C-alpha atoms as a PDB file:
ATOM      1  CA  MET A   1     170.738 154.448 104.047  1.00  0.00           C
ATOM      2  CA  GLU A   2     170.238 151.711 101.840  1.00  0.00           C
ATOM      3  CA  PHE A   3     167.438 149.099 101.992  1.00  0.00           C
ATOM      4  CA  THR A   4     167.164 145.078 100.774  1.00  0.00           C
ATOM      5  CA  ILE A   5     163.156 144.385  98.785  1.00  0.00           C
ATOM      6  CA  ASN A   6     163.103 140.317 100.230  1.00  0.00           C
ATOM      7  CA  GLU A   7     161.389 137.625  98.484  1.00  0.00           C
ATOM      8  CA  ASP A   8     158.205 138.252 101.123  1.00  0.00           C
ATOM      9  CA  GLY A   9     157.848 141.856 100.730  1.00  0.00           C
ATOM     10  CA  SER A  10     159.423 142.981 104.244  1.00  0.00           C
ATOM     11  CA  VAL A  11     162.464 145.552 103.702  1.00  0.00           C
ATOM     12  CA  THR A  12     165.338 145.466 105.404  1.00  0.00           C
ATOM     13  CA  ARG A  13     168.009 148.325 105.818  1.00  0.00           C
ATOM     14  CA  LYS A  14     171.360 147.390 104.701  1.00  0.00           C
ATOM     15  CA  THR A  15     174.339 146.994 107.186  1.00  0.00           C
ATOM     16  CA  SER A  16     177.497 149.822 106.995  1.00  0.00           C
ATOM     17  CA  SER A  17     179.178 146.995 105.563  1.00  0.00           C
ATOM     18  CA  ASP A  18     177.307 145.998 102.743  1.00  0.00           C
ATOM     19  CA  LEU A  19     177.190 150.008 101.850  1.00  0.00           C
ATOM     20  CA  ASN A  20     179.143 151.153  99.287  1.00  0.00           C
ATOM     21  CA  TYR A  21     180.773 154.402 100.214  1.00  0.00           C
ATOM     22  CA  ASN A  22     182.548 157.359  97.910  1.00  0.00           C
ATOM     23  CA  ARG A  23     184.972 157.863 100.366  1.00  0.00           C
ATOM     24  CA  ASN A  24     186.483 161.192  98.552  1.00  0.00           C
ATOM     25  CA  GLY A  25     183.386 162.762  97.733  1.00  0.00           C
ATOM     26  CA  GLY A  26     181.755 164.232 101.286  1.00  0.00           C
ATOM     27  CA  ASN A  27     179.145 165.937  98.536  1.00  0.00           C
ATOM     28  CA  ASN A  28     178.883 161.853  96.794  1.00  0.00           C
ATOM     29  CA  GLY A  29     177.984 160.443 100.540  1.00  0.00           C
ATOM     30  CA  GLU A  30     175.318 162.999 101.083  1.00  0.00           C
ATOM     31  CA  ASN A  31     173.729 162.342  97.711  1.00  0.00           C
ATOM     32  CA  GLY A  32     173.882 158.686  98.622  1.00  0.00           C
ATOM     33  CA  ASP A  33     172.266 159.072 101.494  1.00  0.00           C
ATOM     34  CA  LYS A  34     169.326 161.344 100.080  1.00  0.00           C
ATOM     35  CA  ASN A  35     168.828 158.631  96.915  1.00  0.00           C
ATOM     36  CA  GLY A  36     169.029 155.782 100.149  1.00  0.00           C
ATOM     37  CA  CYS A  37     165.918 157.293 101.439  1.00  0.00           C
ATOM     38  CA  LEU A  38     163.990 158.256  98.358  1.00  0.00           C
ATOM     39  CA  TRP A  39     164.679 153.687  97.681  1.00  0.00           C
ATOM     40  CA  GLY A  40     164.165 153.110 101.311  1.00  0.00           C
ATOM     41  CA  ILE A  41     160.428 154.504 100.690  1.00  0.00           C
ATOM     42  CA  ILE A  42     159.653 152.761  96.906  1.00  0.00           C
ATOM     43  CA  ALA A  43     161.012 149.784  99.359  1.00  0.00           C
ATOM     44  CA  ILE A  44     158.245 150.378 101.771  1.00  0.00           C
ATOM     45  CA  ILE A  45     155.418 150.892  99.217  1.00  0.00           C
ATOM     46  CA  VAL A  46     156.376 147.637  97.030  1.00  0.00           C
ATOM     47  CA  GLY A  47     156.178 145.877 100.035  1.00  0.00           C
ATOM     48  CA  VAL A  48     152.922 147.262 101.269  1.00  0.00           C
ATOM     49  CA  ILE A  49     152.015 145.942  97.626  1.00  0.00           C
ATOM     50  CA  ILE A  50     153.243 142.543  97.968  1.00  0.00           C
ATOM     51  CA  ALA A  51     151.772 142.109 101.016  1.00  0.00           C
ATOM     52  CA  ILE A  52     147.845 143.232 100.219  1.00  0.00           C
ATOM     53  CA  ALA A  53     148.445 141.020  97.163  1.00  0.00           C
ATOM     54  CA  THR A  54     149.389 138.291  99.639  1.00  0.00           C
ATOM     55  CA  SER A  55     146.144 138.771 102.191  1.00  0.00           C
ATOM     56  CA  ASN A  56     144.170 138.881  98.898  1.00  0.00           C
ATOM     57  CA  LYS A  57     145.758 135.526  98.118  1.00  0.00           C
ATOM     58  CA  SER A  58     145.063 133.500 101.002  1.00  0.00           C
ATOM     59  CA  THR A  59     141.221 135.241 100.911  1.00  0.00           C
ATOM     60  CA  SER A  60     140.676 133.587  97.560  1.00  0.00           C
ATOM     61  CA  ASN A  61     141.833 130.118  99.057  1.00  0.00           C
ATOM     62  CA  SER A  62     139.625 129.982 101.518  1.00  0.00           C
ATOM     63  CA  ASN A  63     136.489 131.207  99.455  1.00  0.00           C
ATOM     64  CA  HIS A  64     138.007 128.049  97.021  1.00  0.00           C
ATOM     65  CA  GLU A  65     137.592 125.644 100.512  1.00  0.00           C
ATOM     66  CA  VAL A  66     133.991 126.756 101.076  1.00  0.00           C
ATOM     67  CA  ILE A  67     133.424 125.636  97.421  1.00  0.00           C
ATOM     68  CA  ASP A  68     134.314 122.795  97.539  1.00  0.00           C
ATOM     69  CA  THR A  69     132.641 122.227 101.241  1.00  0.00           C
ATOM     70  CA  THR A  70     129.567 123.253  99.372  1.00  0.00           C
ATOM     71  CA  ALA A  71     129.880 120.807  96.230  1.00  0.00           C
ATOM     72  CA  ASN A  72     131.056 117.802  98.910  1.00  0.00           C
ATOM     73  CA  SER A  73     127.385 118.456 100.864  1.00  0.00           C
ATOM     74  CA  TYR A  74     125.653 118.493  97.492  1.00  0.00           C
ATOM     75  CA  ASN A  75     127.204 115.223  96.093  1.00  0.00           C
ATOM     76  CA  ASN A  76     125.226 113.680  99.220  1.00  0.00           C
ATOM     77  CA  SER A  77     121.707 114.302  98.608  1.00  0.00           C
ATOM     78  CA  TYR A  78     119.741 111.630  97.032  1.00  0.00           C
ATOM     79  CA  LEU A  79     116.857 111.134  95.581  1.00  0.00           C
ATOM     80  CA  SER A  80     114.232 108.112  94.729  1.00  0.00           C
ATOM     81  CA  VAL A  81     110.953 106.181  94.517  1.00  0.00           C
ATOM     82  CA  SER A  82     110.324 102.812  95.649  1.00  0.00           C
ATOM     83  CA  PRO A  83     109.039 101.022  93.477  1.00  0.00           C
ATOM     84  CA  SER A  84     110.485 102.348  90.670  1.00  0.00           C
ATOM     85  CA  SER A  85     108.266 100.910  87.908  1.00  0.00           C
ATOM     86  CA  VAL A  86     104.544 100.183  88.286  1.00  0.00           C
ATOM     87  CA  SER A  87     102.267  97.882  86.026  1.00  0.00           C
ATOM     88  CA  PHE A  88      98.846  97.244  85.699  1.00  0.00           C
ATOM     89  CA  ASP A  89      96.417  94.762  84.344  1.00  0.00           C
ATOM     90  CA  SER A  90      93.763  96.142  82.017  1.00  0.00           C
ATOM     91  CA  TYR A  91      91.437  96.942  84.606  1.00  0.00           C
ATOM     92  CA  GLY A  92      93.643  99.990  85.719  1.00  0.00           C
ATOM     93  CA  GLY A  93      93.106 100.943  89.779  1.00  0.00           C
ATOM     94  CA  CYS A  94      95.338 102.408  92.276  1.00  0.00           C
ATOM     95  CA  LYS A  95      98.925 101.829  93.449  1.00  0.00           C
ATOM     96  CA  THR A  96     101.029 103.983  95.819  1.00  0.00           C
ATOM     97  CA  LEU A  97     104.251 104.935  95.518  1.00  0.00           C
ATOM     98  CA  SER A  98     107.189 106.513  98.715  1.00  0.00           C
ATOM     99  CA  VAL A  99     109.759 109.150  97.209  1.00  0.00           C
ATOM    100  CA  ASN A 100     113.149 109.068  99.313  1.00  0.00           C
ATOM    101  CA  SER A 101     114.445 112.400  99.372  1.00  0.00           C
ATOM    102  CA  SER A 102     116.691 114.579 100.819  1.00  0.00           C
ATOM    103  CA  ASP A 103     115.504 117.519 100.256  1.00  0.00           C
ATOM    104  CA  LEU A 104     112.173 119.192  98.826  1.00  0.00           C
ATOM    105  CA  TRP A 105     111.056 117.574  95.192  1.00  0.00           C
ATOM    106  CA  ARG A 106     108.123 117.943  92.579  1.00  0.00           C
ATOM    107  CA  ILE A 107     106.587 116.087  90.060  1.00  0.00           C
ATOM    108  CA  THR A 108     108.231 117.696  86.468  1.00  0.00           C
ATOM    109  CA  THR A 109     106.957 115.035  84.041  1.00  0.00           C
ATOM    110  CA  ASN A 110     102.933 114.230  84.353  1.00  0.00           C
ATOM    111  CA  THR A 111     101.472 110.959  83.005  1.00  0.00           C
ATOM    112  CA  TYR A 112      99.170 110.569  79.635  1.00  0.00           C
ATOM    113  CA  GLU A 113      95.601 110.885  80.540  1.00  0.00           C
ATOM    114  CA  TRP A 114      94.835 107.899  81.140  1.00  0.00           C
ATOM    115  CA  GLY A 115      97.028 108.024  84.716  1.00  0.00           C
ATOM    116  CA  HIS A 116      96.251 110.216  87.196  1.00  0.00           C
ATOM    117  CA  LEU A 117      99.188 111.281  90.234  1.00  0.00           C
ATOM    118  CA  SER A 118      97.913 112.825  93.376  1.00  0.00           C
ATOM    119  CA  ILE A 119     101.096 113.897  96.561  1.00  0.00           C
ATOM    120  CA  SER A 120     100.549 113.134  99.805  1.00  0.00           C
ATOM    121  CA  GLY A 121     103.514 113.792 102.316  1.00  0.00           C
ATOM    122  CA  ASN A 122     105.973 111.956 100.684  1.00  0.00           C
ATOM    123  CA  LYS A 123     104.012 109.400  99.354  1.00  0.00           C
ATOM    124  CA  ILE A 124     102.461 109.697  95.217  1.00  0.00           C
ATOM    125  CA  THR A 125      99.258 107.754  94.168  1.00  0.00           C
ATOM    126  CA  LEU A 126      99.336 106.693  90.911  1.00  0.00           C
ATOM    127  CA  ARG A 127      95.467 106.108  89.622  1.00  0.00           C
ATOM    128  CA  VAL A 128      95.277 104.897  86.119  1.00  0.00           C
ATOM    129  CA  GLU A 129      92.312 104.108  83.825  1.00  0.00           C
ATOM    130  CA  ALA A 130      91.313 100.646  82.235  1.00  0.00           C
ATOM    131  CA  ASN A 131      92.876  99.777  79.019  1.00  0.00           C
ATOM    132  CA  ASN A 132      89.864  98.984  76.543  1.00  0.00           C
ATOM    133  CA  SER A 133      92.444  98.807  73.782  1.00  0.00           C
ATOM    134  CA  LYS A 134      93.877  94.533  73.335  1.00  0.00           C
ATOM    135  CA  ASN A 135      97.421  96.347  72.293  1.00  0.00           C
ATOM    136  CA  SER A 136      99.003  97.572  76.061  1.00  0.00           C
ATOM    137  CA  ARG A 137     100.294 100.668  76.740  1.00  0.00           C
ATOM    138  CA  SER A 138     103.249 102.335  78.746  1.00  0.00           C
ATOM    139  CA  ASP A 139     104.035 106.027  80.101  1.00  0.00           C
ATOM    140  CA  PHE A 140     106.409 107.185  82.647  1.00  0.00           C
ATOM    141  CA  PHE A 141     106.096 109.957  85.352  1.00  0.00           C
ATOM    142  CA  GLU A 142     109.121 111.860  86.370  1.00  0.00           C
ATOM    143  CA  ILE A 143     110.157 114.157  89.878  1.00  0.00           C
ATOM    144  CA  SER A 144     112.997 116.474  90.604  1.00  0.00           C
ATOM    145  CA  SER A 145     114.884 117.633  93.077  1.00  0.00           C
ATOM    146  CA  GLY A 146     117.621 120.231  92.758  1.00  0.00           C
ATOM    147  CA  SER A 147     119.253 119.374  89.724  1.00  0.00           C
ATOM    148  CA  LYS A 148     118.819 115.716  90.655  1.00  0.00           C
ATOM    149  CA  LYS A 149     115.070 113.895  88.264  1.00  0.00           C
ATOM    150  CA  TYR A 150     114.287 109.967  88.763  1.00  0.00           C
ATOM    151  CA  ARG A 151     111.561 108.783  86.728  1.00  0.00           C
ATOM    152  CA  VAL A 152     109.348 106.187  87.207  1.00  0.00           C
ATOM    153  CA  SER A 153     108.048 103.348  84.477  1.00  0.00           C
ATOM    154  CA  ILE A 154     104.408 102.917  84.119  1.00  0.00           C
ATOM    155  CA  THR A 155     103.222  99.595  81.947  1.00  0.00           C
ATOM    156  CA  GLN A 156      98.982  98.295  81.359  1.00  0.00           C
ATOM    157  CA  SER A 157      98.254  95.227  79.726  1.00  0.00           C
ATOM    158  CA  GLY A 158      95.527  95.131  76.964  1.00  0.00           C
ATOM    159  CA  ASN A 159      92.211  93.618  76.754  1.00  0.00           C
ATOM    160  CA  ARG A 160      92.770  90.417  75.414  1.00  0.00           C
ATOM    161  CA  SER A 161      89.775  88.809  76.559  1.00  0.00           C
ATOM    162  CA  ASP A 162      86.056  88.380  75.899  1.00  0.00           C
ATOM    163  CA  SER A 163      83.231  86.077  76.808  1.00  0.00           C
ATOM    164  CA  TYR A 164      84.731  83.066  75.488  1.00  0.00           C
ATOM    165  CA  ASN A 165      87.795  81.341  75.591  1.00  0.00           C
ATOM    166  CA  SER A 166      90.723  80.104  73.020  1.00  0.00           C
ATOM    167  CA  ASN A 167      87.977  76.953  73.130  1.00  0.00           C
ATOM    168  CA  SER A 168      85.123  78.594  72.014  1.00  0.00           C
ATOM    169  CA  THR A 169      83.115  77.809  75.386  1.00  0.00           C
ATOM    170  CA  ARG A 170      81.447  80.940  76.553  1.00  0.00           C
ATOM    171  CA  VAL A 171      82.876  82.215  80.421  1.00  0.00           C
ATOM    172  CA  ASN A 172      79.949  81.816  82.772  1.00  0.00           C
ATOM    173  CA  GLY A 173      79.265  80.921  86.318  1.00  0.00           C
ATOM    174  CA  SER A 174      77.354  82.183  89.822  1.00  0.00           C
ATOM    175  CA  ILE A 175      77.925  83.290  92.817  1.00  0.00           C
ATOM    176  CA  ILE A 176      76.920  80.641  95.697  1.00  0.00           C
ATOM    177  CA  ASN A 177      77.624  83.020  98.497  1.00  0.00           C
ATOM    178  CA  VAL A 178      78.804  85.528 100.139  1.00  0.00           C
ATOM    179  CA  TRP A 179      79.483  86.348 103.952  1.00  0.00           C
ATOM    180  CA  THR A 180      81.695  89.212 105.655  1.00  0.00           C
ATOM    181  CA  ASP A 181      84.449  89.197 109.115  1.00  0.00           C
ATOM    182  CA  HIS A 182      83.759  92.867 110.995  1.00  0.00           C
ATOM    183  CA  ASN A 183      86.486  94.738 112.796  1.00  0.00           C
ATOM    184  CA  VAL A 184      89.580  92.089 111.764  1.00  0.00           C
ATOM    185  CA  THR A 185      92.896  93.555 111.275  1.00  0.00           C
ATOM    186  CA  ASP A 186      95.304  92.711 108.239  1.00  0.00           C
ATOM    187  CA  SER A 187      98.776  92.109 108.529  1.00  0.00           C
ATOM    188  CA  TYR A 188      99.318  95.748 108.457  1.00  0.00           C
ATOM    189  CA  GLY A 189      97.289  96.560 111.594  1.00  0.00           C
ATOM    190  CA  ASN A 190      94.512  98.167 109.707  1.00  0.00           C
ATOM    191  CA  ASN A 191      91.298  97.974 110.855  1.00  0.00           C
ATOM    192  CA  GLY A 192      88.636  96.606 108.488  1.00  0.00           C
ATOM    193  CA  MET A 193      85.863  94.297 106.565  1.00  0.00           C
ATOM    194  CA  ARG A 194      87.039  91.123 105.470  1.00  0.00           C
ATOM    195  CA  ILE A 195      84.935  89.629 102.661  1.00  0.00           C
ATOM    196  CA  HIS A 196      84.003  86.013 101.549  1.00  0.00           C
ATOM    197  CA  ILE A 197      83.021  84.655  98.320  1.00  0.00           C
ATOM    198  CA  LYS A 198      82.057  81.343  97.140  1.00  0.00           C
ATOM    199  CA  PHE A 199      81.594  81.249  93.151  1.00  0.00           C
ATOM    200  CA  ASP A 200      81.690  79.074  90.654  1.00  0.00           C
ATOM    201  CA  ILE A 201      83.764  80.115  87.144  1.00  0.00           C
ATOM    202  CA  ASN A 202      83.291  78.223  84.247  1.00  0.00           C
ATOM    203  CA  GLY A 203      85.564  78.923  80.791  1.00  0.00           C
ATOM    204  CA  MET A 204      88.658  80.755  82.309  1.00  0.00           C
ATOM    205  CA  LEU A 205      91.059  77.701  82.831  1.00  0.00           C
ATOM    206  CA  ASP A 206      94.463  79.573  83.432  1.00  0.00           C
ATOM    207  CA  ARG A 207      93.289  82.929  82.818  1.00  0.00           C
ATOM    208  CA  THR A 208      93.437  85.498  85.177  1.00  0.00           C
ATOM    209  CA  GLY A 209      90.571  87.533  86.174  1.00  0.00           C
ATOM    210  CA  ARG A 210      89.108  89.677  89.247  1.00  0.00           C
ATOM    211  CA  ALA A 211      86.497  89.961  91.671  1.00  0.00           C
ATOM    212  CA  ALA A 212      85.810  93.626  92.598  1.00  0.00           C
ATOM    213  CA  VAL A 213      83.951  94.955  95.499  1.00  0.00           C
ATOM    214  CA  TYR A 214      81.895  98.707  95.430  1.00  0.00           C
ATOM    215  CA  PHE A 215      81.060 100.463  98.337  1.00  0.00           C
ATOM    216  CA  TYR A 216      77.722 102.597  98.217  1.00  0.00           C
ATOM    217  CA  TYR A 217      75.687 104.460 100.498  1.00  0.00           C
ATOM    218  CA  ALA A 218      72.260 103.310 101.323  1.00  0.00           C
ATOM    219  CA  ASN A 219      70.758 105.153  99.092  1.00  0.00           C
ATOM    220  CA  GLY A 220      72.112 103.901  96.250  1.00  0.00           C
ATOM    221  CA  ASN A 221      74.783 106.724  95.277  1.00  0.00           C
ATOM    222  CA  PRO A 222      78.824 105.170  95.037  1.00  0.00           C
ATOM    223  CA  ILE A 223      80.707 106.184  97.945  1.00  0.00           C
ATOM    224  CA  LYS A 224      83.898 108.599  96.284  1.00  0.00           C
ATOM    225  CA  ASP A 225      87.269 108.139  97.319  1.00  0.00           C
ATOM    226  CA  THR A 226      89.400 110.957  98.957  1.00  0.00           C
ATOM    227  CA  ASN A 227      92.681 109.733  98.551  1.00  0.00           C
ATOM    228  CA  ASP A 228      93.385 107.822  95.220  1.00  0.00           C
ATOM    229  CA  SER A 229      94.044 104.364  97.122  1.00  0.00           C
ATOM    230  CA  TYR A 230      91.427 102.213  96.863  1.00  0.00           C
ATOM    231  CA  CYS A 231      89.319 102.560  93.938  1.00  0.00           C
ATOM    232  CA  THR A 232      87.713 102.886  90.583  1.00  0.00           C
ATOM    233  CA  SER A 233      88.993 104.438  87.518  1.00  0.00           C
ATOM    234  CA  ASN A 234      85.684 106.696  88.083  1.00  0.00           C
ATOM    235  CA  GLY A 235      87.174 107.486  91.797  1.00  0.00           C
ATOM    236  CA  ASP A 236      84.228 105.844  93.268  1.00  0.00           C
ATOM    237  CA  VAL A 237      85.475 103.516  96.924  1.00  0.00           C
ATOM    238  CA  ALA A 238      86.742 100.109  96.163  1.00  0.00           C
ATOM    239  CA  THR A 239      88.515  96.694  96.198  1.00  0.00           C
ATOM    240  CA  HIS A 240      90.120  93.924  94.702  1.00  0.00           C
ATOM    241  CA  VAL A 241      91.159  90.533  94.274  1.00  0.00           C
ATOM    242  CA  ASN A 242      93.072  88.461  91.006  1.00  0.00           C
ATOM    243  CA  PHE A 243      92.180  84.813  90.811  1.00  0.00           C
ATOM    244  CA  THR A 244      93.381  82.656  87.991  1.00  0.00           C
ATOM    245  CA  PRO A 245      91.232  79.538  87.724  1.00  0.00           C
ATOM    246  CA  SER A 246      93.327  76.019  87.434  1.00  0.00           C
ATOM    247  CA  TYR A 247      90.533  74.282  85.974  1.00  0.00           C
ATOM    248  CA  GLU A 248      88.615  74.683  83.150  1.00  0.00           C
ATOM    249  CA  ASN A 249      85.365  74.609  85.474  1.00  0.00           C
ATOM    250  CA  SER A 250      86.486  75.744  88.902  1.00  0.00           C
ATOM    251  CA  ARG A 251      84.829  76.346  92.208  1.00  0.00           C
ATOM    252  CA  PHE A 252      86.656  78.743  95.597  1.00  0.00           C
ATOM    253  CA  ASP A 253      85.488  78.146  98.505  1.00  0.00           C
ATOM    254  CA  ASP A 254      86.026  81.325 100.168  1.00  0.00           C
ATOM    255  CA  LEU A 255      88.199  84.101  98.221  1.00  0.00           C
ATOM    256  CA  ASN A 256      88.405  87.009 100.867  1.00  0.00           C
ATOM    257  CA  ILE A 257      88.974  90.611 100.080  1.00  0.00           C
ATOM    258  CA  PHE A 258      89.937  93.052 103.058  1.00  0.00           C
ATOM    259  CA  MET A 259      89.066  96.739 103.117  1.00  0.00           C
ATOM    260  CA  PRO A 260      90.228  99.156 105.731  1.00  0.00           C
ATOM    261  CA  TYR A 261      87.464 101.162 107.777  1.00  0.00           C
ATOM    262  CA  SER A 262      89.346 104.066 107.132  1.00  0.00           C
ATOM    263  CA  GLU A 263      89.293 104.025 103.610  1.00  0.00           C
ATOM    264  CA  LEU A 264      85.444 104.321 103.404  1.00  0.00           C
ATOM    265  CA  HIS A 265      86.212 107.633 104.228  1.00  0.00           C
ATOM    266  CA  LEU A 266      83.244 107.722 106.930  1.00  0.00           C
ATOM    267  CA  HIS A 267      83.090 110.151 109.523  1.00  0.00           C
ATOM    268  CA  GLN A 268      79.386 109.366 111.273  1.00  0.00           C
ATOM    269  CA  THR A 269      77.537 106.042 111.452  1.00  0.00           C
ATOM    270  CA  THR A 270      76.422 105.310 108.463  1.00  0.00           C
ATOM    271  CA  SER A 271      74.381 102.526 106.408  1.00  0.00           C
ATOM    272  CA  CYS A 272      76.117 101.011 103.822  1.00  0.00           C
ATOM    273  CA  TYR A 273      76.152  98.271 101.453  1.00  0.00           C
ATOM    274  CA  PHE A 274      78.738  96.401  98.314  1.00  0.00           C
ATOM    275  CA  THR A 275      78.549  94.961  95.842  1.00  0.00           C
ATOM    276  CA  ILE A 276      80.761  92.235  93.930  1.00  0.00           C
ATOM    277  CA  SER A 277      81.466  91.630  90.273  1.00  0.00           C
ATOM    278  CA  ILE A 278      83.679  88.443  88.706  1.00  0.00           C
ATOM    279  CA  TRP A 279      85.356  90.698  85.888  1.00  0.00           C
ATOM    280  CA  ASN A 280      86.797  88.505  82.797  1.00  0.00           C
ATOM    281  CA  GLY A 281      89.143  90.893  81.633  1.00  0.00           C
ATOM    282  CA  ASN A 282      86.708  94.364  81.076  1.00  0.00           C
ATOM    283  CA  THR A 283      83.447  91.936  80.561  1.00  0.00           C
ATOM    284  CA  GLU A 284      81.180  91.223  83.864  1.00  0.00           C
ATOM    285  CA  VAL A 285      80.280  87.542  84.305  1.00  0.00           C
ATOM    286  CA  MET A 286      78.725  87.885  87.220  1.00  0.00           C
ATOM    287  CA  ARG A 287      76.750  89.560  89.765  1.00  0.00           C
ATOM    288  CA  SER A 288      75.965  89.761  93.735  1.00  0.00           C
ATOM    289  CA  GLY A 289      73.216  90.936  94.897  1.00  0.00           C
ATOM    290  CA  ILE A 290      73.243  93.684  97.807  1.00  0.00           C
ATOM    291  CA  ASN A 291      75.179  93.225 101.163  1.00  0.00           C
ATOM    292  CA  SER A 292      74.326  95.846 103.868  1.00  0.00           C
ATOM    293  CA  PHE A 293      76.633  96.799 106.657  1.00  0.00           C
ATOM    294  CA  GLN A 294      76.732  99.911 108.937  1.00  0.00           C
ATOM    295  CA  VAL A 295      79.615 101.476 110.169  1.00  0.00           C
ATOM    296  CA  THR A 296      79.503 103.348 113.714  1.00  0.00           C
ATOM    297  CA  PHE A 297      81.627 105.862 115.614  1.00  0.00           C
END
């Protein structure tokens, strides 16, 4: 017997018409049968080897598809921060950013010592200290998720103002009246107080100032912030609004500032008070008296 090894590794026995017998040699025919059997065994072994190799090749292709699928899934991951950059005036303050990521993330590059970061859920709060230099400064921080990185740029203006304007006119003014609306809501639906200020300011034409409100317990201790949201660079509860006078001698009849009750971080009925300071750069121009109120639960 003789066998043929096919390209796919299978074995086919030759028919009698395919065989080349030595019709005159009986012994040769016997030997041919023996040799044919030997070659048949060899052909079967080779066929098995080829079949195994083919099977391994198929498995290898299957594994490759899994890798490609994983890679495609990874390419669908995302990481972003809003806003992508933040700026502060020389006073400093707090700002909150939102992280949008398909995977777990962490802060991998922190800020300089004048910036402070805290995390709550998918929110990052950045608190920046006051810049007492006349030079502006910049910084950044980075967050990472897997192999992805996102950089947030930080800029802060320098303190270029003092107690005088460019015409050597002294900056001064006075707070005329302060009144408060309680249990009102802002545009986001937060419940709180709206503080109104009437004041005069002189010598700050086209220059940006700040009206800041600071909150205290009745005993005079500052109320401490716990989430780096409404706060001073020292971590005391505060809020503010900027203003820009349109005249050399200006009056603001109703500059108002909203303060959410939740940002006072009080959990029981508490007697408190606030004061208001008007700032020209890092110079306090005027300060109000004590304005008492009580938060009830």
